[in-house]
Amino acid sequence: MDLLDIDARLSDEQRLVRDTVRSYAGDRVLPRVAGWFEEGVFPARELAPELGSLGLLGMHLTGYGCAGADATSYGVACRELEAADSGLRSFVSVQGSLAMFPIWRYGSAEQKAEWLPRMASGEAIGCFGLTEPDRGSDPSSMRTYAKRDGSDWILNGAKMWITNGSVADVAVVWARTDEGIRGFVVPADTPGFSAPEIHRKLSLRASVTSSLYLDDVRLPESAVLPGVTGLKGPLSCLSEARFGILWGVVGAARACLEAALGYARTREQFGRPIGGFQLTQEKLAWMAVAVQQAQLTALHLAALKESGELKPHQISFGKLANVRAAIDVARQARTILGANGVTLEYPVIRHMTNLESVLTYEGTEEVHLLTLGKALTGLDAFR
């Protein structure tokens, strides 16, 4: 299905990453993920050490047991993880880009030494607390607040829609202070910290999603990330995670196309496979074009990242365009499968519902559209 032979541009090392992650997902995840989705569970504690042993946790970071992979290798890994399920890629993205990255970039030497090796191996799981129950796209108005009390800090507030929250050993929590927005490394066993799981989801069911509550959580000064103050901190983490998303959704779209193509070759109506009808072939052709265009966008942005030239509005372009393309591919695939497309016997409806969450988390379509609008016009429509 790689009509443009895009993967031929990958290096030998990048193809090894591709094949290793695809093999792992095929052996350990795909046979079980429909059941996890149906039951609303994700075996994070079981999978984390396996993912760590493959070098996938914080793989784009250097030192502290991290693989130090290039941007394309990280993207290829995200693609192959999400071809299995968005929940699997979300776990890896949150661990590496949202929990490990801020510690790696902004943390103290002691914070890095304490957490990064354990998180890279999968021994410790992390989460990222930014979104609040009534504060999503506008994190600058967050209500979670940290105040000084002698040499300590006291945190109060709530976060919501937190991937990995209830299985995390540590949370990177962003809070308002008199000095500006600061990041705090909060061990999950700290008194006053709780992370109940959110249930009754119809999307990302094979993923742990939680709320975080901070009720007079007392932390020492050493819990503060010393290297950043202001929104630059959490927004830089989101840029890292969005890069993984714009690659990952290519995998989800590809999986839907594969399912539709396989079905169209074998499903017969009017005495022949439906793949032989012109309308079905038109759908498949447009789906393949969308997948390949999304892959080219991801590959180009990876090259910009590797050269240090990637800008936030370019990441918004990729997240916006590729997630929308993946959703359109999933919906078209569902029409080819007909009624079979809504069962978990095939991956399409699972990817389709997952992508509805991917569309809005880590920046809604509207946010990314306005980011591109500002880049084009120089005018800020957010305020």
Protein backbone atom coordinates (compact mmCIF):
# COMPACT_ATOMS: atom_id res chain seq x y z
CA MET A 1 0.00 0.00 0.00
CA ASP A 2 3.06 2.25 0.10
CA LEU A 3 2.30 3.54 -3.39
CA LEU A 4 4.99 6.23 -3.24
CA ASP A 5 7.55 3.86 -1.71
CA ILE A 6 8.00 6.29 1.17
CA ASP A 7 9.50 3.78 3.59
CA ALA A 8 12.37 3.28 1.14
CA ARG A 9 13.63 6.65 2.40
CA LEU A 10 14.09 5.24 5.89
CA SER A 11 17.58 4.34 7.02
CA ASP A 12 18.48 0.78 7.97
CA GLU A 13 18.22 1.73 11.65
CA GLN A 14 14.81 3.32 11.14
CA ARG A 15 13.55 0.25 9.30
CA LEU A 16 14.80 -1.88 12.19
CA VAL A 17 12.75 0.26 14.58
CA ARG A 18 9.75 -0.14 12.28
CA ASP A 19 10.06 -3.91 12.06
CA THR A 20 10.79 -4.37 15.76
CA VAL A 21 7.82 -2.33 16.95
CA ARG A 22 5.49 -3.80 14.32
CA SER A 23 6.49 -7.30 15.38
CA TYR A 24 6.01 -6.51 19.07
CA ALA A 25 2.60 -4.96 18.48
CA GLY A 26 1.55 -7.88 16.29
CA ASP A 27 2.63 -10.48 18.84
CA ARG A 28 1.76 -8.86 22.15
CA VAL A 29 -1.00 -6.34 21.49
CA LEU A 30 -3.11 -7.05 18.41
CA PRO A 31 -4.33 -10.49 19.57
CA ARG A 32 -5.61 -8.93 22.82
CA VAL A 33 -6.44 -5.29 22.18
CA ALA A 34 -10.05 -5.81 21.04
CA GLY A 35 -10.73 -7.53 24.36
CA TRP A 36 -9.07 -4.70 26.29
CA PHE A 37 -11.15 -2.19 24.35
CA GLU A 38 -14.37 -4.09 25.02
CA GLU A 39 -13.58 -4.45 28.73
CA GLY A 40 -12.22 -0.91 29.11
CA VAL A 41 -8.83 -1.95 30.47
CA PHE A 42 -5.16 -1.44 29.63
CA PRO A 43 -2.47 -3.61 31.30
CA ALA A 44 0.00 -0.79 31.82
CA ARG A 45 2.04 -2.53 34.50
CA GLU A 46 2.46 -5.59 32.29
CA LEU A 47 3.41 -3.71 29.13
CA ALA A 48 5.58 -0.94 30.57
CA PRO A 49 8.65 -3.14 31.25
CA GLU A 50 8.30 -4.72 27.81
CA LEU A 51 8.15 -1.33 26.12
CA GLY A 52 11.09 -0.21 28.25
CA SER A 53 13.17 -3.23 27.25
CA LEU A 54 12.62 -2.27 23.60
CA GLY A 55 13.90 1.23 24.32
CA LEU A 56 10.58 2.87 23.43
CA LEU A 57 10.03 4.89 26.62
CA GLY A 58 11.60 8.31 26.24
CA MET A 59 13.32 6.96 23.15
CA HIS A 60 13.95 10.41 21.67
CA LEU A 61 15.76 11.59 24.83
CA THR A 62 19.45 11.04 25.60
CA GLY A 63 21.13 9.70 28.71
CA TYR A 64 19.58 8.13 31.82
CA GLY A 65 18.92 4.86 29.97
CA CYS A 66 17.07 6.54 27.09
CA ALA A 67 17.72 5.39 23.54
CA GLY A 68 18.62 8.77 22.04
CA ALA A 69 16.79 7.93 18.80
CA ASP A 70 16.34 10.47 16.01
CA ALA A 71 12.99 12.11 15.33
CA THR A 72 12.11 9.86 12.39
CA SER A 73 12.78 6.70 14.42
CA TYR A 74 10.55 8.02 17.19
CA GLY A 75 7.86 8.85 14.64
CA VAL A 76 8.07 5.44 13.01
CA ALA A 77 7.71 3.81 16.43
CA CYS A 78 4.61 5.91 17.16
CA ARG A 79 3.17 4.94 13.78
CA GLU A 80 3.57 1.24 14.42
CA LEU A 81 2.25 1.51 17.99
CA GLU A 82 -0.89 3.35 16.89
CA ALA A 83 -1.44 0.90 14.04
CA ALA A 84 -2.21 -1.46 16.91
CA ASP A 85 -4.19 1.02 19.02
CA SER A 86 -4.17 4.72 19.89
CA GLY A 87 -4.16 3.79 23.56
CA LEU A 88 -0.82 2.01 23.21
CA ARG A 89 0.78 4.98 21.47
CA SER A 90 -0.79 7.34 24.02
CA PHE A 91 0.83 5.41 26.86
CA VAL A 92 4.25 5.71 25.23
CA SER A 93 3.71 9.37 24.25
CA VAL A 94 2.64 10.41 27.74
CA GLN A 95 5.46 8.52 29.38
CA GLY A 96 8.18 9.88 27.11
CA SER A 97 7.01 13.26 25.85
CA LEU A 98 4.79 14.55 28.65
CA ALA A 99 6.25 13.02 31.82
CA MET A 100 9.91 12.25 31.06
CA PHE A 101 10.59 15.18 28.73
CA PRO A 102 9.87 17.98 31.23
CA ILE A 103 12.05 16.28 33.84
CA TRP A 104 14.79 15.75 31.23
CA ARG A 105 14.59 19.31 29.87
CA TYR A 106 13.73 21.35 32.96
CA GLY A 107 14.44 19.14 35.94
CA SER A 108 17.25 19.24 38.48
CA ALA A 109 20.09 16.73 38.40
CA GLU A 110 18.51 14.99 41.38
CA GLN A 111 15.08 14.77 39.72
CA LYS A 112 16.60 13.35 36.55
CA ALA A 113 18.64 10.77 38.42
CA GLU A 114 15.71 9.71 40.58
CA TRP A 115 13.07 9.31 37.89
CA LEU A 116 14.39 9.06 34.34
CA PRO A 117 16.21 5.70 34.52
CA ARG A 118 13.22 4.06 36.20
CA MET A 119 10.80 5.58 33.72
CA ALA A 120 12.94 4.59 30.73
CA SER A 121 12.94 0.97 31.89
CA GLY A 122 9.20 0.94 32.59
CA GLU A 123 9.73 0.38 36.30
CA ALA A 124 8.03 3.72 37.03
CA ILE A 125 5.08 5.19 35.12
CA GLY A 126 4.43 8.91 34.77
CA CYS A 127 1.54 11.20 33.88
CA PHE A 128 1.12 14.88 32.99
CA GLY A 129 -1.34 17.16 34.76
CA LEU A 130 -2.32 20.25 32.77
CA THR A 131 -5.96 20.05 31.60
CA GLU A 132 -8.56 20.88 34.25
CA PRO A 133 -12.28 20.05 34.50
CA ASP A 134 -13.26 23.50 33.21
CA ARG A 135 -9.95 24.62 31.69
CA GLY A 136 -8.85 22.84 28.51
CA SER A 137 -7.77 24.91 25.53
CA ASP A 138 -6.85 27.89 27.73
CA PRO A 139 -4.28 26.53 30.22
CA SER A 140 -3.23 30.07 31.17
CA SER A 141 -6.45 30.31 33.20
CA MET A 142 -5.80 27.14 35.23
CA ARG A 143 -7.05 27.17 38.81
CA THR A 144 -4.64 24.67 40.35
CA TYR A 145 -2.52 26.78 42.66
CA ALA A 146 0.71 26.30 44.55
CA LYS A 147 1.70 28.61 47.40
CA ARG A 148 4.83 28.74 49.48
CA ASP A 149 4.70 27.64 53.10
CA GLY A 150 8.12 28.17 54.58
CA SER A 151 10.52 26.04 52.56
CA ASP A 152 7.66 23.89 51.22
CA TRP A 153 4.92 24.27 48.63
CA ILE A 154 1.21 23.50 49.14
CA LEU A 155 -0.73 22.47 46.03
CA ASN A 156 -4.51 22.50 45.64
CA GLY A 157 -6.57 21.86 42.54
CA ALA A 158 -7.85 19.28 40.08
CA LYS A 159 -6.81 17.95 36.68
CA MET A 160 -8.89 15.87 34.28
CA TRP A 161 -8.53 13.55 31.27
CA ILE A 162 -5.11 12.44 32.44
CA THR A 163 -3.69 9.44 30.60
CA ASN A 164 -1.89 6.97 32.92
CA GLY A 165 -3.10 8.92 35.98
CA SER A 166 -4.32 6.11 38.21
CA VAL A 167 -1.37 3.82 37.39
CA ALA A 168 1.30 6.52 37.63
CA ASP A 169 4.10 6.53 40.17
CA VAL A 170 4.78 10.20 39.51
CA ALA A 171 2.84 13.13 38.07
CA VAL A 172 4.27 16.26 36.48
CA VAL A 173 1.68 18.81 37.61
CA TRP A 174 1.49 22.40 36.37
CA ALA A 175 0.14 25.01 38.76
CA ARG A 176 -0.20 28.76 39.13
CA THR A 177 2.09 30.42 41.64
CA ASP A 178 2.84 34.02 42.59
CA GLU A 179 5.90 33.65 40.36
CA GLY A 180 4.00 32.34 37.33
CA ILE A 181 3.12 28.85 36.15
CA ARG A 182 5.52 26.22 37.55
CA GLY A 183 5.91 22.49 37.13
CA PHE A 184 6.02 20.13 40.12
CA VAL A 185 7.22 16.54 40.31
CA VAL A 186 4.60 14.87 42.51
CA PRO A 187 5.14 11.28 43.68
CA ALA A 188 1.80 9.47 43.60
CA ASP A 189 2.12 8.38 47.23
CA THR A 190 2.25 11.99 48.48
CA PRO A 191 -0.52 12.61 51.06
CA GLY A 192 -3.43 14.55 49.56
CA PHE A 193 -2.79 13.29 46.01
CA SER A 194 -5.38 10.98 44.42
CA ALA A 195 -6.08 9.79 40.88
CA PRO A 196 -9.43 8.04 40.39
CA GLU A 197 -9.95 6.43 37.00
CA ILE A 198 -12.57 7.78 34.58
CA HIS A 199 -14.95 5.09 33.31
CA ARG A 200 -17.82 4.83 30.82
CA LYS A 201 -15.70 6.06 27.90
CA LEU A 202 -16.64 5.11 24.36
CA SER A 203 -13.24 6.11 22.96
CA LEU A 204 -9.68 5.19 23.99
CA ARG A 205 -11.14 2.38 26.03
CA ALA A 206 -7.83 0.48 25.96
CA SER A 207 -6.19 3.34 27.86
CA VAL A 208 -6.13 4.47 31.48
CA THR A 209 -7.76 7.91 31.84
CA SER A 210 -8.04 9.57 35.23
CA SER A 211 -8.68 12.70 37.23
CA LEU A 212 -6.04 14.11 39.54
CA TYR A 213 -6.97 15.73 42.84
CA LEU A 214 -4.53 17.72 44.95
CA ASP A 215 -5.80 18.47 48.44
CA ASP A 216 -3.20 20.39 50.45
CA VAL A 217 -0.40 18.39 48.83
CA ARG A 218 2.81 19.40 50.60
CA LEU A 219 5.99 19.23 48.55
CA PRO A 220 9.56 20.29 49.27
CA GLU A 221 11.32 22.95 47.21
CA SER A 222 13.18 20.11 45.47
CA ALA A 223 9.91 19.07 43.78
CA VAL A 224 9.81 22.18 41.58
CA LEU A 225 11.15 21.92 38.04
CA PRO A 226 13.84 24.62 38.28
CA GLY A 227 14.46 25.13 34.58
CA VAL A 228 11.27 26.86 33.44
CA THR A 229 8.60 29.33 34.51
CA GLY A 230 5.46 30.13 32.53
CA LEU A 231 3.43 28.41 29.83
CA LYS A 232 6.58 27.70 27.82
CA GLY A 233 7.06 24.63 30.04
CA PRO A 234 3.83 22.71 29.41
CA LEU A 235 3.47 23.96 25.82
CA SER A 236 6.91 22.64 24.89
CA CYS A 237 5.88 19.25 26.27
CA LEU A 238 2.72 19.33 24.16
CA SER A 239 4.79 20.06 21.07
CA GLU A 240 6.82 16.92 21.73
CA ALA A 241 3.68 14.83 22.19
CA ARG A 242 1.90 16.31 19.17
CA PHE A 243 4.83 15.28 17.00
CA GLY A 244 4.21 11.70 18.10
CA ILE A 245 0.52 12.06 17.38
CA LEU A 246 0.95 13.30 13.82
CA TRP A 247 3.05 10.21 13.12
CA GLY A 248 0.89 7.85 15.14
CA VAL A 249 -2.37 8.55 13.35
CA VAL A 250 -0.74 7.51 10.07
CA GLY A 251 -0.56 4.04 11.59
CA ALA A 252 -4.22 4.06 12.59
CA ALA A 253 -5.22 5.18 9.10
CA ARG A 254 -3.02 2.55 7.50
CA ALA A 255 -4.56 -0.17 9.66
CA CYS A 256 -8.04 0.90 8.55
CA LEU A 257 -6.98 0.90 4.90
CA GLU A 258 -5.45 -2.57 5.29
CA ALA A 259 -8.66 -3.88 6.81
CA ALA A 260 -10.82 -2.33 4.09
CA LEU A 261 -8.57 -3.59 1.31
CA GLY A 262 -8.49 -7.12 2.67
CA TYR A 263 -12.27 -7.11 3.08
CA ALA A 264 -12.87 -5.71 -0.40
CA ARG A 265 -10.81 -8.47 -1.98
CA THR A 266 -12.81 -11.27 -0.35
CA ARG A 267 -16.32 -9.94 0.27
CA GLU A 268 -18.55 -10.88 -2.65
CA GLN A 269 -21.73 -9.18 -3.85
CA PHE A 270 -23.45 -9.66 -7.21
CA GLY A 271 -21.15 -12.56 -7.94
CA ARG A 272 -17.74 -10.89 -7.50
CA PRO A 273 -15.51 -9.24 -4.88
CA ILE A 274 -16.66 -5.72 -4.01
CA GLY A 275 -13.10 -4.54 -4.59
CA GLY A 276 -13.78 -4.98 -8.30
CA PHE A 277 -16.48 -2.31 -8.34
CA GLN A 278 -15.48 1.17 -9.42
CA LEU A 279 -17.04 2.96 -6.43
CA THR A 280 -15.14 0.76 -3.99
CA GLN A 281 -11.89 1.26 -5.84
CA GLU A 282 -12.46 5.01 -5.78
CA LYS A 283 -12.81 4.90 -2.00
CA LEU A 284 -9.68 2.78 -1.63
CA ALA A 285 -7.69 5.05 -3.94
CA TRP A 286 -8.61 8.21 -2.04
CA MET A 287 -7.87 6.48 1.26
CA ALA A 288 -4.42 5.46 0.02
CA VAL A 289 -3.75 9.01 -1.19
CA ALA A 290 -4.71 10.39 2.23
CA VAL A 291 -2.46 7.93 4.08
CA GLN A 292 0.49 8.66 1.80
CA GLN A 293 0.05 12.43 2.03
CA ALA A 294 -0.11 12.21 5.81
CA GLN A 295 3.05 10.09 5.81
CA LEU A 296 4.88 12.63 3.65
CA THR A 297 3.86 15.41 6.03
CA ALA A 298 5.14 13.42 8.99
CA LEU A 299 8.42 12.60 7.27
CA HIS A 300 9.00 16.23 6.32
CA LEU A 301 8.31 17.47 9.84
CA ALA A 302 10.69 14.85 11.23
CA ALA A 303 13.42 16.19 8.96
CA LEU A 304 12.73 19.71 10.26
CA LYS A 305 12.87 18.45 13.84
CA GLU A 306 16.16 16.68 13.28
CA SER A 307 17.68 19.87 11.85
CA GLY A 308 16.37 21.96 14.76
CA GLU A 309 14.10 24.00 12.49
CA LEU A 310 10.66 22.67 13.49
CA LYS A 311 8.29 25.43 14.66
CA PRO A 312 5.13 25.06 16.78
CA HIS A 313 2.80 26.14 13.95
CA GLN A 314 4.28 23.42 11.74
CA ILE A 315 3.47 20.83 14.40
CA SER A 316 -0.06 22.25 14.48
CA PHE A 317 -0.24 21.81 10.70
CA GLY A 318 0.74 18.15 11.02
CA LYS A 319 -1.55 17.38 13.94
CA LEU A 320 -4.51 19.10 12.29
CA ALA A 321 -4.05 17.64 8.81
CA ASN A 322 -3.04 14.12 9.74
CA VAL A 323 -5.67 13.48 12.40
CA ARG A 324 -8.42 14.73 10.10
CA ALA A 325 -7.08 12.54 7.27
CA ALA A 326 -6.99 9.51 9.56
CA ILE A 327 -10.58 10.05 10.69
CA ASP A 328 -11.76 10.36 7.10
CA VAL A 329 -9.93 7.15 6.16
CA ALA A 330 -11.44 5.30 9.13
CA ARG A 331 -14.95 6.42 8.21
CA GLN A 332 -14.52 5.40 4.59
CA ALA A 333 -13.14 2.04 5.67
CA ARG A 334 -16.21 1.52 7.83
CA THR A 335 -18.47 2.01 4.80
CA ILE A 336 -16.57 -0.63 2.83
CA LEU A 337 -16.95 -3.13 5.67
CA GLY A 338 -20.65 -2.34 6.00
CA ALA A 339 -22.23 -3.77 9.14
CA ASN A 340 -19.06 -5.76 9.83
CA GLY A 341 -17.32 -2.43 10.25
CA VAL A 342 -19.00 -1.77 13.60
CA THR A 343 -17.81 -5.00 15.24
CA LEU A 344 -14.57 -5.58 17.10
CA GLU A 345 -13.82 -8.48 14.77
CA TYR A 346 -12.19 -5.80 12.66
CA PRO A 347 -10.06 -2.89 13.92
CA VAL A 348 -11.90 -0.13 12.07
CA ILE A 349 -14.55 0.97 14.58
CA ARG A 350 -11.95 0.82 17.38
CA HIS A 351 -9.61 3.13 15.48
CA MET A 352 -12.52 5.30 14.37
CA THR A 353 -13.75 5.97 17.90
CA ASN A 354 -10.21 6.38 19.25
CA LEU A 355 -9.46 9.02 16.65
CA GLU A 356 -12.40 11.09 17.87
CA SER A 357 -10.42 11.58 21.10
CA VAL A 358 -7.15 12.14 19.28
CA LEU A 359 -8.90 14.88 17.29
CA THR A 360 -9.46 16.97 20.41
CA TYR A 361 -6.73 16.06 22.89
CA GLU A 362 -3.47 17.97 22.95
CA GLY A 363 -5.06 20.76 20.95
CA THR A 364 -8.50 20.78 19.35
CA GLU A 365 -8.94 21.39 15.63
CA GLU A 366 -10.01 24.94 16.47
CA VAL A 367 -6.81 25.63 18.41
CA HIS A 368 -4.61 24.38 15.59
CA LEU A 369 -6.62 26.24 12.97
CA LEU A 370 -6.18 29.49 14.88
CA THR A 371 -2.49 28.74 15.35
CA LEU A 372 -2.15 28.46 11.57
CA GLY A 373 -4.29 31.57 11.13
CA LYS A 374 -1.94 33.54 13.36
CA ALA A 375 1.08 32.23 11.44
CA LEU A 376 -0.53 33.36 8.18
CA THR A 377 -1.87 36.76 9.24
CA GLY A 378 0.27 37.78 12.18
CA LEU A 379 -2.95 38.43 14.12
CA ASP A 380 -3.82 36.58 17.33
CA ALA A 381 -7.45 35.37 17.33
CA PHE A 382 -7.20 33.73 20.76
CA ARG A 383 -7.62 36.98 22.69
